[in-house]
Amino acid sequence: MGALNERNCALLGLVAPLTAFIFISMSIGLSPWFSWGSNALSDLGHSVKSGVAPLFNFGLLLCGFLIILYSFTSFRKHAKYTSYVLVIAGLMLQLVAAFDEVYEGLHFLVSVLFFAALGFASLSYAIEKKSVLALAALVIGSISWILYGLEIYSAGIAVPETISSLAIVSWVMLSALRIYFHKTG
């Protein structure tokens, strides 16, 4: 892959998370029933109960695909080991969309595996690139899940899903910018 193509592929690390956020935001905006206090984001993708399921699930599928492309192209040269974990996270995100809440236990399993893969990707990047941001993202994401699990705050599971995802994509997007502008670290 030429330098220009490699550089342009780095933009996938920005486009992928933005794609997910746009599709999720549109789905929330079109779903007056959605509540941060009682719902999971995946409730938007329930193919029987949600009118926005095609929109929501397509956004997750597309984001997962773009993350996989980013991982196999420019990110692999930047952080070889983390790229493998990020591929798994992208695949798990696609499985979250493919096996929506209609599949109950299977959906729960792939959702847990997705968030676990994000955590492992953050840990891997923190070690491989000595990234304080990735370590902070791992801590923030973990704390959001722990506090939710201990019922320290009252909210739907969409809250820790969003907090942990936003924290983790911060280092993914920064890595894309660094690759695009040819900075190391």
C-alpha atoms as a PDB file:
ATOM      1  CA  MET A   1       0.000   0.000   0.000  1.00  0.00           C
ATOM      2  CA  GLY A   2       1.436   3.362  -0.981  1.00  0.00           C
ATOM      3  CA  ALA A   3       2.037   6.151   1.520  1.00  0.00           C
ATOM      4  CA  LEU A   4      -0.899   8.160   0.204  1.00  0.00           C
ATOM      5  CA  ASN A   5      -3.296   5.225   0.501  1.00  0.00           C
ATOM      6  CA  GLU A   6      -1.955   4.364   3.924  1.00  0.00           C
ATOM      7  CA  ARG A   7      -2.431   7.938   5.050  1.00  0.00           C
ATOM      8  CA  ASN A   8      -5.967   8.061   3.679  1.00  0.00           C
ATOM      9  CA  CYS A   9      -6.811   4.743   5.351  1.00  0.00           C
ATOM     10  CA  ALA A  10      -5.901   6.367   8.660  1.00  0.00           C
ATOM     11  CA  LEU A  11      -9.027   8.480   8.257  1.00  0.00           C
ATOM     12  CA  LEU A  12     -11.074   5.305   8.717  1.00  0.00           C
ATOM     13  CA  GLY A  13     -10.095   5.508  12.391  1.00  0.00           C
ATOM     14  CA  LEU A  14     -12.007   8.786  12.543  1.00  0.00           C
ATOM     15  CA  VAL A  15     -14.859   7.901  10.222  1.00  0.00           C
ATOM     16  CA  ALA A  16     -15.738   4.604  11.934  1.00  0.00           C
ATOM     17  CA  PRO A  17     -16.596   6.014  15.385  1.00  0.00           C
ATOM     18  CA  LEU A  18     -18.268   9.064  13.853  1.00  0.00           C
ATOM     19  CA  THR A  19     -20.423   6.748  11.748  1.00  0.00           C
ATOM     20  CA  ALA A  20     -21.575   4.883  14.846  1.00  0.00           C
ATOM     21  CA  PHE A  21     -22.317   8.107  16.721  1.00  0.00           C
ATOM     22  CA  ILE A  22     -24.290   9.547  13.815  1.00  0.00           C
ATOM     23  CA  PHE A  23     -26.429   6.430  13.346  1.00  0.00           C
ATOM     24  CA  ILE A  24     -26.968   5.987  17.093  1.00  0.00           C
ATOM     25  CA  SER A  25     -27.865   9.660  17.506  1.00  0.00           C
ATOM     26  CA  MET A  26     -30.325   9.521  14.610  1.00  0.00           C
ATOM     27  CA  SER A  27     -31.870   6.362  16.055  1.00  0.00           C
ATOM     28  CA  ILE A  28     -32.278   7.989  19.475  1.00  0.00           C
ATOM     29  CA  GLY A  29     -33.718  11.125  17.880  1.00  0.00           C
ATOM     30  CA  LEU A  30     -36.291   9.056  15.990  1.00  0.00           C
ATOM     31  CA  SER A  31     -37.251   7.042  19.089  1.00  0.00           C
ATOM     32  CA  PRO A  32     -39.185   9.153  21.582  1.00  0.00           C
ATOM     33  CA  TRP A  33     -39.596   6.039  23.755  1.00  0.00           C
ATOM     34  CA  PHE A  34     -35.822   5.710  24.332  1.00  0.00           C
ATOM     35  CA  SER A  35     -34.745   6.598  27.868  1.00  0.00           C
ATOM     36  CA  TRP A  36     -31.203   6.944  29.209  1.00  0.00           C
ATOM     37  CA  GLY A  37     -32.676   5.972  32.556  1.00  0.00           C
ATOM     38  CA  SER A  38     -33.958   2.566  31.539  1.00  0.00           C
ATOM     39  CA  ASN A  39     -32.748   1.421  28.109  1.00  0.00           C
ATOM     40  CA  ALA A  40     -29.762  -0.233  26.510  1.00  0.00           C
ATOM     41  CA  LEU A  41     -28.517   1.181  23.228  1.00  0.00           C
ATOM     42  CA  SER A  42     -29.291  -2.220  21.722  1.00  0.00           C
ATOM     43  CA  ASP A  43     -32.988  -1.648  22.431  1.00  0.00           C
ATOM     44  CA  LEU A  44     -32.828   0.634  19.401  1.00  0.00           C
ATOM     45  CA  GLY A  45     -31.707  -2.337  17.297  1.00  0.00           C
ATOM     46  CA  HIS A  46     -34.416  -4.787  18.377  1.00  0.00           C
ATOM     47  CA  SER A  47     -35.735  -5.871  14.984  1.00  0.00           C
ATOM     48  CA  VAL A  48     -39.241  -6.618  16.276  1.00  0.00           C
ATOM     49  CA  LYS A  49     -39.813  -3.823  18.798  1.00  0.00           C
ATOM     50  CA  SER A  50     -37.911  -0.881  17.297  1.00  0.00           C
ATOM     51  CA  GLY A  51     -38.868   0.991  14.155  1.00  0.00           C
ATOM     52  CA  VAL A  52     -35.305   2.291  13.835  1.00  0.00           C
ATOM     53  CA  ALA A  53     -33.657  -1.148  14.047  1.00  0.00           C
ATOM     54  CA  PRO A  54     -32.494  -1.155  10.392  1.00  0.00           C
ATOM     55  CA  LEU A  55     -30.892   2.276  10.810  1.00  0.00           C
ATOM     56  CA  PHE A  56     -29.273   1.450  14.156  1.00  0.00           C
ATOM     57  CA  ASN A  57     -28.003  -1.987  13.140  1.00  0.00           C
ATOM     58  CA  PHE A  58     -26.701  -0.751   9.780  1.00  0.00           C
ATOM     59  CA  GLY A  59     -24.696   1.912  11.612  1.00  0.00           C
ATOM     60  CA  LEU A  60     -23.115  -0.713  13.875  1.00  0.00           C
ATOM     61  CA  LEU A  61     -22.368  -3.024  10.939  1.00  0.00           C
ATOM     62  CA  LEU A  62     -20.774  -0.185   8.974  1.00  0.00           C
ATOM     63  CA  CYS A  63     -18.752   1.033  11.944  1.00  0.00           C
ATOM     64  CA  GLY A  64     -17.478  -2.497  12.617  1.00  0.00           C
ATOM     65  CA  PHE A  65     -16.512  -2.895   8.965  1.00  0.00           C
ATOM     66  CA  LEU A  66     -14.647   0.431   8.934  1.00  0.00           C
ATOM     67  CA  ILE A  67     -12.820  -0.425  12.181  1.00  0.00           C
ATOM     68  CA  ILE A  68     -11.735  -3.746  10.673  1.00  0.00           C
ATOM     69  CA  LEU A  69     -10.491  -1.962   7.529  1.00  0.00           C
ATOM     70  CA  TYR A  70      -8.621   0.599   9.650  1.00  0.00           C
ATOM     71  CA  SER A  71      -7.068  -2.188  11.710  1.00  0.00           C
ATOM     72  CA  PHE A  72      -5.916  -4.157   8.661  1.00  0.00           C
ATOM     73  CA  THR A  73      -4.490  -1.131   6.855  1.00  0.00           C
ATOM     74  CA  SER A  74      -2.702   1.820   8.423  1.00  0.00           C
ATOM     75  CA  PHE A  75      -3.271   0.958  12.097  1.00  0.00           C
ATOM     76  CA  ARG A  76      -1.485  -2.402  11.803  1.00  0.00           C
ATOM     77  CA  LYS A  77       1.810  -0.645  11.028  1.00  0.00           C
ATOM     78  CA  HIS A  78       1.224   1.787  13.902  1.00  0.00           C
ATOM     79  CA  ALA A  79       0.280  -0.763  16.585  1.00  0.00           C
ATOM     80  CA  LYS A  80       0.602  -4.321  15.298  1.00  0.00           C
ATOM     81  CA  TYR A  81      -0.710  -6.241  18.321  1.00  0.00           C
ATOM     82  CA  THR A  82      -3.491  -3.833  19.164  1.00  0.00           C
ATOM     83  CA  SER A  83      -4.690  -3.993  15.566  1.00  0.00           C
ATOM     84  CA  TYR A  84      -5.503  -7.687  16.019  1.00  0.00           C
ATOM     85  CA  VAL A  85      -7.615  -6.955  19.094  1.00  0.00           C
ATOM     86  CA  LEU A  86      -9.315  -4.053  17.333  1.00  0.00           C
ATOM     87  CA  VAL A  87     -10.260  -6.397  14.474  1.00  0.00           C
ATOM     88  CA  ILE A  88     -11.953  -8.641  17.022  1.00  0.00           C
ATOM     89  CA  ALA A  89     -13.778  -5.635  18.513  1.00  0.00           C
ATOM     90  CA  GLY A  90     -14.974  -4.611  15.027  1.00  0.00           C
ATOM     91  CA  LEU A  91     -16.187  -8.130  14.337  1.00  0.00           C
ATOM     92  CA  MET A  92     -17.970  -8.290  17.702  1.00  0.00           C
ATOM     93  CA  LEU A  93     -19.676  -4.962  16.965  1.00  0.00           C
ATOM     94  CA  GLN A  94     -20.952  -6.404  13.705  1.00  0.00           C
ATOM     95  CA  LEU A  95     -22.220  -9.448  15.583  1.00  0.00           C
ATOM     96  CA  VAL A  96     -24.040  -7.172  18.052  1.00  0.00           C
ATOM     97  CA  ALA A  97     -25.949  -5.781  15.063  1.00  0.00           C
ATOM     98  CA  ALA A  98     -26.450  -9.119  13.301  1.00  0.00           C
ATOM     99  CA  PHE A  99     -27.640 -10.898  16.443  1.00  0.00           C
ATOM    100  CA  ASP A 100     -29.857  -8.152  17.831  1.00  0.00           C
ATOM    101  CA  GLU A 101     -31.912  -8.454  21.008  1.00  0.00           C
ATOM    102  CA  VAL A 102     -34.283 -10.892  19.297  1.00  0.00           C
ATOM    103  CA  TYR A 103     -31.521 -13.454  19.862  1.00  0.00           C
ATOM    104  CA  GLU A 104     -31.474 -12.702  23.614  1.00  0.00           C
ATOM    105  CA  GLY A 105     -28.633 -14.818  25.101  1.00  0.00           C
ATOM    106  CA  LEU A 106     -26.528 -14.729  21.944  1.00  0.00           C
ATOM    107  CA  HIS A 107     -26.942 -10.960  21.736  1.00  0.00           C
ATOM    108  CA  PHE A 108     -25.900 -10.610  25.374  1.00  0.00           C
ATOM    109  CA  LEU A 109     -22.817 -12.775  24.759  1.00  0.00           C
ATOM    110  CA  VAL A 110     -21.593 -10.857  21.707  1.00  0.00           C
ATOM    111  CA  SER A 111     -22.270  -7.553  23.496  1.00  0.00           C
ATOM    112  CA  VAL A 112     -20.148  -8.620  26.460  1.00  0.00           C
ATOM    113  CA  LEU A 113     -17.435  -9.841  24.084  1.00  0.00           C
ATOM    114  CA  PHE A 114     -17.553  -6.507  22.226  1.00  0.00           C
ATOM    115  CA  PHE A 115     -17.017  -4.438  25.362  1.00  0.00           C
ATOM    116  CA  ALA A 116     -14.382  -6.878  26.626  1.00  0.00           C
ATOM    117  CA  ALA A 117     -12.557  -6.596  23.293  1.00  0.00           C
ATOM    118  CA  LEU A 118     -12.637  -2.794  23.585  1.00  0.00           C
ATOM    119  CA  GLY A 119     -11.124  -3.093  27.056  1.00  0.00           C
ATOM    120  CA  PHE A 120      -8.407  -5.459  25.846  1.00  0.00           C
ATOM    121  CA  ALA A 121      -7.687  -3.176  22.889  1.00  0.00           C
ATOM    122  CA  SER A 122      -7.208  -0.263  25.286  1.00  0.00           C
ATOM    123  CA  LEU A 123      -4.934  -2.326  27.523  1.00  0.00           C
ATOM    124  CA  SER A 124      -2.951  -3.542  24.526  1.00  0.00           C
ATOM    125  CA  TYR A 125      -2.545  -0.022  23.137  1.00  0.00           C
ATOM    126  CA  ALA A 126      -1.573   1.332  26.564  1.00  0.00           C
ATOM    127  CA  ILE A 127       1.204  -1.260  26.750  1.00  0.00           C
ATOM    128  CA  GLU A 128       2.259  -1.309  23.087  1.00  0.00           C
ATOM    129  CA  LYS A 129       2.367   2.463  22.601  1.00  0.00           C
ATOM    130  CA  LYS A 130       2.761   3.499  26.264  1.00  0.00           C
ATOM    131  CA  SER A 131      -0.450   5.468  25.851  1.00  0.00           C
ATOM    132  CA  VAL A 132      -1.702   7.234  28.950  1.00  0.00           C
ATOM    133  CA  LEU A 133      -4.913   8.080  27.068  1.00  0.00           C
ATOM    134  CA  ALA A 134      -5.642   4.406  26.355  1.00  0.00           C
ATOM    135  CA  LEU A 135      -4.971   3.541  29.993  1.00  0.00           C
ATOM    136  CA  ALA A 136      -7.251   6.377  31.137  1.00  0.00           C
ATOM    137  CA  ALA A 137      -9.935   5.156  28.710  1.00  0.00           C
ATOM    138  CA  LEU A 138      -9.664   1.655  30.145  1.00  0.00           C
ATOM    139  CA  VAL A 139      -9.977   2.995  33.696  1.00  0.00           C
ATOM    140  CA  ILE A 140     -12.905   5.295  32.859  1.00  0.00           C
ATOM    141  CA  GLY A 141     -14.710   2.561  30.959  1.00  0.00           C
ATOM    142  CA  SER A 142     -14.118   0.001  33.708  1.00  0.00           C
ATOM    143  CA  ILE A 143     -15.268   2.378  36.440  1.00  0.00           C
ATOM    144  CA  SER A 144     -18.463   3.178  34.514  1.00  0.00           C
ATOM    145  CA  TRP A 145     -19.264  -0.542  34.304  1.00  0.00           C
ATOM    146  CA  ILE A 146     -18.327  -1.238  37.935  1.00  0.00           C
ATOM    147  CA  LEU A 147     -20.427   1.653  39.254  1.00  0.00           C
ATOM    148  CA  TYR A 148     -23.337   0.523  37.096  1.00  0.00           C
ATOM    149  CA  GLY A 149     -22.963  -3.086  38.273  1.00  0.00           C
ATOM    150  CA  LEU A 150     -22.856  -1.992  41.921  1.00  0.00           C
ATOM    151  CA  GLU A 151     -25.929   0.181  41.295  1.00  0.00           C
ATOM    152  CA  ILE A 152     -24.095   3.277  42.560  1.00  0.00           C
ATOM    153  CA  TYR A 153     -26.158   5.314  40.118  1.00  0.00           C
ATOM    154  CA  SER A 154     -29.553   4.675  38.618  1.00  0.00           C
ATOM    155  CA  ALA A 155     -29.560   4.587  34.831  1.00  0.00           C
ATOM    156  CA  GLY A 156     -30.096   2.313  31.910  1.00  0.00           C
ATOM    157  CA  ILE A 157     -27.210   0.235  30.649  1.00  0.00           C
ATOM    158  CA  ALA A 158     -26.944   2.707  27.742  1.00  0.00           C
ATOM    159  CA  VAL A 159     -25.046   5.003  30.134  1.00  0.00           C
ATOM    160  CA  PRO A 160     -21.997   2.771  30.790  1.00  0.00           C
ATOM    161  CA  GLU A 161     -22.154   1.609  27.171  1.00  0.00           C
ATOM    162  CA  THR A 162     -21.819   5.221  26.032  1.00  0.00           C
ATOM    163  CA  ILE A 163     -19.232   6.303  28.619  1.00  0.00           C
ATOM    164  CA  SER A 164     -16.945   3.354  27.940  1.00  0.00           C
ATOM    165  CA  SER A 165     -17.314   3.654  24.160  1.00  0.00           C
ATOM    166  CA  LEU A 166     -16.591   7.398  24.146  1.00  0.00           C
ATOM    167  CA  ALA A 167     -13.542   6.916  26.355  1.00  0.00           C
ATOM    168  CA  ILE A 168     -12.134   4.171  24.160  1.00  0.00           C
ATOM    169  CA  VAL A 169     -12.728   5.839  20.810  1.00  0.00           C
ATOM    170  CA  SER A 170     -10.745   8.833  22.074  1.00  0.00           C
ATOM    171  CA  TRP A 171      -7.459   6.954  21.674  1.00  0.00           C
ATOM    172  CA  VAL A 172      -8.614   5.252  18.458  1.00  0.00           C
ATOM    173  CA  MET A 173      -9.384   8.613  16.874  1.00  0.00           C
ATOM    174  CA  LEU A 174      -6.153  10.147  18.192  1.00  0.00           C
ATOM    175  CA  SER A 175      -4.185   7.234  16.733  1.00  0.00           C
ATOM    176  CA  ALA A 176      -5.831   7.899  13.370  1.00  0.00           C
ATOM    177  CA  LEU A 177      -4.868  11.559  13.517  1.00  0.00           C
ATOM    178  CA  ARG A 178      -1.303  10.674  14.465  1.00  0.00           C
ATOM    179  CA  ILE A 179      -1.016   8.250  11.581  1.00  0.00           C
ATOM    180  CA  TYR A 180      -2.571  10.744   9.176  1.00  0.00           C
ATOM    181  CA  PHE A 181      -0.180  13.482  10.239  1.00  0.00           C
ATOM    182  CA  HIS A 182       2.742  11.000  10.487  1.00  0.00           C
ATOM    183  CA  LYS A 183       3.347  11.346  14.213  1.00  0.00           C
ATOM    184  CA  THR A 184       4.495   8.408  16.309  1.00  0.00           C
ATOM    185  CA  GLY A 185       3.352   7.319  19.754  1.00  0.00           C
END
